[in-house]
Amino acid sequence: MSENSQSTEAFGLLINYEYCTGCHSCEVSCQMEHNLPTDRWGIKLQKIGPWQIKQDVYQYDFVPIPTDQCDLCASRTSKGKKPLCVKHCQSLVMDYGKVNDLLKRFDGKSKFTIFVPKSGTKSEVIQVS
């Protein structure tokens, strides 16, 4: 691979939300790092459920959703550090890396989402299960 193609490879977040406990540490660490007001987030935790789908099966998930303000902590990742949401995730359900490497970790069994920022502060969420 040429040096130029390595520098343009996309990076993103892998979020295995099946095991997210809803602790909000991703939100808080992002707000603190970027001095965001209490009503703004670089990543926002959403609760889905609880409701019954069928007997003994319930929908009840917490899903960390990066917002358009997320830049994957560019000031940290440019120094080889993880984004703060990944560093402070209490359930270890978030990871940062090259998108192609993150996709290889998709096991087809858990609820995964890959977040890939567009240029600037825009973002794109790709649902893979």
C-alpha atoms as a PDB file:
ATOM      1  CA  MET A   1       0.000   0.000   0.000  1.00  0.00           C
ATOM      2  CA  SER A   2       1.365   3.421  -0.865  1.00  0.00           C
ATOM      3  CA  GLU A   3       2.050   6.061   1.762  1.00  0.00           C
ATOM      4  CA  ASN A   4      -0.696   8.257   0.291  1.00  0.00           C
ATOM      5  CA  SER A   5      -3.390   5.551   0.541  1.00  0.00           C
ATOM      6  CA  GLN A   6      -2.430   4.815   4.163  1.00  0.00           C
ATOM      7  CA  SER A   7      -2.894   8.452   5.148  1.00  0.00           C
ATOM      8  CA  THR A   8      -6.410   8.602   3.658  1.00  0.00           C
ATOM      9  CA  GLU A   9      -7.728   5.361   5.197  1.00  0.00           C
ATOM     10  CA  ALA A  10     -10.933   5.978   7.149  1.00  0.00           C
ATOM     11  CA  PHE A  11     -11.031   5.644  10.927  1.00  0.00           C
ATOM     12  CA  GLY A  12     -14.131   5.199  13.051  1.00  0.00           C
ATOM     13  CA  LEU A  13     -15.797   3.850  16.169  1.00  0.00           C
ATOM     14  CA  LEU A  14     -17.097   0.340  16.668  1.00  0.00           C
ATOM     15  CA  ILE A  15     -19.978   0.296  19.155  1.00  0.00           C
ATOM     16  CA  ASN A  16     -21.290  -3.048  20.426  1.00  0.00           C
ATOM     17  CA  TYR A  17     -24.437  -1.652  21.988  1.00  0.00           C
ATOM     18  CA  GLU A  18     -25.849  -5.026  23.005  1.00  0.00           C
ATOM     19  CA  TYR A  19     -23.694  -4.801  26.146  1.00  0.00           C
ATOM     20  CA  CYS A  20     -23.835  -1.049  26.834  1.00  0.00           C
ATOM     21  CA  THR A  21     -25.011  -0.501  30.432  1.00  0.00           C
ATOM     22  CA  GLY A  22     -26.081   3.117  29.983  1.00  0.00           C
ATOM     23  CA  CYS A  23     -23.527   4.573  32.416  1.00  0.00           C
ATOM     24  CA  HIS A  24     -23.136   7.830  30.377  1.00  0.00           C
ATOM     25  CA  SER A  25     -19.340   7.947  30.874  1.00  0.00           C
ATOM     26  CA  CYS A  26     -18.894   8.430  27.105  1.00  0.00           C
ATOM     27  CA  GLU A  27     -21.133  11.520  27.202  1.00  0.00           C
ATOM     28  CA  VAL A  28     -19.521  13.033  30.278  1.00  0.00           C
ATOM     29  CA  SER A  29     -15.922  12.489  29.160  1.00  0.00           C
ATOM     30  CA  CYS A  30     -16.665  14.029  25.756  1.00  0.00           C
ATOM     31  CA  GLN A  31     -18.427  17.051  27.267  1.00  0.00           C
ATOM     32  CA  MET A  32     -15.548  17.636  29.671  1.00  0.00           C
ATOM     33  CA  GLU A  33     -12.822  17.250  27.033  1.00  0.00           C
ATOM     34  CA  HIS A  34     -14.476  19.586  24.531  1.00  0.00           C
ATOM     35  CA  ASN A  35     -16.004  22.038  27.040  1.00  0.00           C
ATOM     36  CA  LEU A  36     -19.490  21.429  25.659  1.00  0.00           C
ATOM     37  CA  PRO A  37     -22.489  22.963  27.427  1.00  0.00           C
ATOM     38  CA  THR A  38     -24.747  20.599  29.376  1.00  0.00           C
ATOM     39  CA  ASP A  39     -27.294  20.504  26.543  1.00  0.00           C
ATOM     40  CA  ARG A  40     -24.798  19.500  23.794  1.00  0.00           C
ATOM     41  CA  TRP A  41     -22.920  16.295  23.159  1.00  0.00           C
ATOM     42  CA  GLY A  42     -20.288  14.850  20.881  1.00  0.00           C
ATOM     43  CA  ILE A  43     -21.847  11.486  21.711  1.00  0.00           C
ATOM     44  CA  LYS A  44     -25.324  11.013  23.162  1.00  0.00           C
ATOM     45  CA  LEU A  45     -26.672   7.918  24.875  1.00  0.00           C
ATOM     46  CA  GLN A  46     -30.186   6.888  23.840  1.00  0.00           C
ATOM     47  CA  LYS A  47     -32.379   4.374  25.648  1.00  0.00           C
ATOM     48  CA  ILE A  48     -34.540   2.065  23.537  1.00  0.00           C
ATOM     49  CA  GLY A  49     -37.304   0.247  25.411  1.00  0.00           C
ATOM     50  CA  PRO A  50     -38.092  -1.528  27.556  1.00  0.00           C
ATOM     51  CA  TRP A  51     -40.950  -3.273  25.805  1.00  0.00           C
ATOM     52  CA  GLN A  52     -41.899  -6.857  25.218  1.00  0.00           C
ATOM     53  CA  ILE A  53     -41.352  -8.257  21.729  1.00  0.00           C
ATOM     54  CA  LYS A  54     -42.556 -11.796  22.415  1.00  0.00           C
ATOM     55  CA  GLN A  55     -42.780 -14.013  25.465  1.00  0.00           C
ATOM     56  CA  ASP A  56     -39.506 -13.772  27.428  1.00  0.00           C
ATOM     57  CA  VAL A  57     -37.956 -11.435  24.797  1.00  0.00           C
ATOM     58  CA  TYR A  58     -37.670  -7.713  25.476  1.00  0.00           C
ATOM     59  CA  GLN A  59     -36.222  -4.744  23.610  1.00  0.00           C
ATOM     60  CA  TYR A  60     -34.070  -2.831  26.066  1.00  0.00           C
ATOM     61  CA  ASP A  61     -30.850  -1.270  24.824  1.00  0.00           C
ATOM     62  CA  PHE A  62     -28.668   1.739  25.425  1.00  0.00           C
ATOM     63  CA  VAL A  63     -27.102   3.035  22.220  1.00  0.00           C
ATOM     64  CA  PRO A  64     -24.253   5.615  22.225  1.00  0.00           C
ATOM     65  CA  ILE A  65     -24.826   7.794  19.145  1.00  0.00           C
ATOM     66  CA  PRO A  66     -22.043  10.133  17.980  1.00  0.00           C
ATOM     67  CA  THR A  67     -23.356  13.545  16.916  1.00  0.00           C
ATOM     68  CA  ASP A  68     -22.198  15.833  14.131  1.00  0.00           C
ATOM     69  CA  GLN A  69     -19.881  17.483  16.676  1.00  0.00           C
ATOM     70  CA  CYS A  70     -17.823  14.298  17.014  1.00  0.00           C
ATOM     71  CA  ASP A  71     -14.399  14.508  15.380  1.00  0.00           C
ATOM     72  CA  LEU A  72     -13.173  11.257  16.991  1.00  0.00           C
ATOM     73  CA  CYS A  73     -11.129  13.404  19.412  1.00  0.00           C
ATOM     74  CA  ALA A  74      -8.809  14.413  16.565  1.00  0.00           C
ATOM     75  CA  SER A  75      -6.420  16.165  18.959  1.00  0.00           C
ATOM     76  CA  ARG A  76      -5.985  12.880  20.891  1.00  0.00           C
ATOM     77  CA  THR A  77      -5.996  10.398  18.004  1.00  0.00           C
ATOM     78  CA  SER A  78      -3.382  12.438  16.138  1.00  0.00           C
ATOM     79  CA  LYS A  79      -1.087  11.649  19.102  1.00  0.00           C
ATOM     80  CA  GLY A  80      -1.872   7.913  19.026  1.00  0.00           C
ATOM     81  CA  LYS A  81      -4.405   8.057  21.878  1.00  0.00           C
ATOM     82  CA  LYS A  82      -7.950   6.694  21.881  1.00  0.00           C
ATOM     83  CA  PRO A  83     -10.983   8.988  21.759  1.00  0.00           C
ATOM     84  CA  LEU A  84     -12.174   9.716  25.297  1.00  0.00           C
ATOM     85  CA  CYS A  85     -15.503   7.943  24.814  1.00  0.00           C
ATOM     86  CA  VAL A  86     -13.557   4.747  24.076  1.00  0.00           C
ATOM     87  CA  LYS A  87     -11.067   5.291  26.902  1.00  0.00           C
ATOM     88  CA  HIS A  88     -13.779   5.860  29.508  1.00  0.00           C
ATOM     89  CA  CYS A  89     -16.328   3.247  28.360  1.00  0.00           C
ATOM     90  CA  GLN A  90     -17.073   1.264  31.531  1.00  0.00           C
ATOM     91  CA  SER A  91     -18.466  -1.745  29.628  1.00  0.00           C
ATOM     92  CA  LEU A  92     -15.634  -1.815  27.072  1.00  0.00           C
ATOM     93  CA  VAL A  93     -18.159  -1.849  24.209  1.00  0.00           C
ATOM     94  CA  MET A  94     -16.462   0.860  22.142  1.00  0.00           C
ATOM     95  CA  ASP A  95     -13.318   0.662  20.056  1.00  0.00           C
ATOM     96  CA  TYR A  96     -11.467   2.996  17.697  1.00  0.00           C
ATOM     97  CA  GLY A  97      -9.474   2.079  14.616  1.00  0.00           C
ATOM     98  CA  LYS A  98      -9.369   1.692  10.875  1.00  0.00           C
ATOM     99  CA  VAL A  99     -12.847   1.011   9.546  1.00  0.00           C
ATOM    100  CA  ASN A 100     -11.764  -2.100   7.647  1.00  0.00           C
ATOM    101  CA  ASP A 101     -10.197  -3.513  10.828  1.00  0.00           C
ATOM    102  CA  LEU A 102     -13.303  -2.692  12.875  1.00  0.00           C
ATOM    103  CA  LEU A 103     -15.570  -4.425  10.345  1.00  0.00           C
ATOM    104  CA  LYS A 104     -13.510  -7.611  10.714  1.00  0.00           C
ATOM    105  CA  ARG A 105     -14.554  -7.723  14.380  1.00  0.00           C
ATOM    106  CA  PHE A 106     -18.260  -7.904  13.479  1.00  0.00           C
ATOM    107  CA  ASP A 107     -19.304 -11.397  14.596  1.00  0.00           C
ATOM    108  CA  GLY A 108     -22.869 -11.502  13.241  1.00  0.00           C
ATOM    109  CA  LYS A 109     -24.192 -12.291  16.733  1.00  0.00           C
ATOM    110  CA  SER A 110     -24.047  -8.999  18.641  1.00  0.00           C
ATOM    111  CA  LYS A 111     -25.637  -5.632  17.930  1.00  0.00           C
ATOM    112  CA  PHE A 112     -22.840  -3.566  16.358  1.00  0.00           C
ATOM    113  CA  THR A 113     -22.747  -0.117  14.811  1.00  0.00           C
ATOM    114  CA  ILE A 114     -19.793   1.492  13.036  1.00  0.00           C
ATOM    115  CA  PHE A 115     -19.497   5.290  13.158  1.00  0.00           C
ATOM    116  CA  VAL A 116     -17.400   6.984  10.462  1.00  0.00           C
ATOM    117  CA  PRO A 117     -17.131  10.780  10.365  1.00  0.00           C
ATOM    118  CA  LYS A 118     -17.408  12.625   7.062  1.00  0.00           C
ATOM    119  CA  SER A 119     -15.222  15.645   6.334  1.00  0.00           C
ATOM    120  CA  GLY A 120     -15.461  18.439   8.885  1.00  0.00           C
ATOM    121  CA  THR A 121     -17.973  17.832  11.662  1.00  0.00           C
ATOM    122  CA  LYS A 122     -20.489  15.787   9.656  1.00  0.00           C
ATOM    123  CA  SER A 123     -20.990  12.149  10.544  1.00  0.00           C
ATOM    124  CA  GLU A 124     -22.350   8.930   9.122  1.00  0.00           C
ATOM    125  CA  VAL A 125     -23.591   5.904  11.021  1.00  0.00           C
ATOM    126  CA  ILE A 126     -23.485   2.546   9.244  1.00  0.00           C
ATOM    127  CA  GLN A 127     -25.719  -0.152  10.785  1.00  0.00           C
ATOM    128  CA  VAL A 128     -24.161  -3.589  10.365  1.00  0.00           C
ATOM    129  CA  SER A 129     -26.695  -5.706  12.270  1.00  0.00           C
END
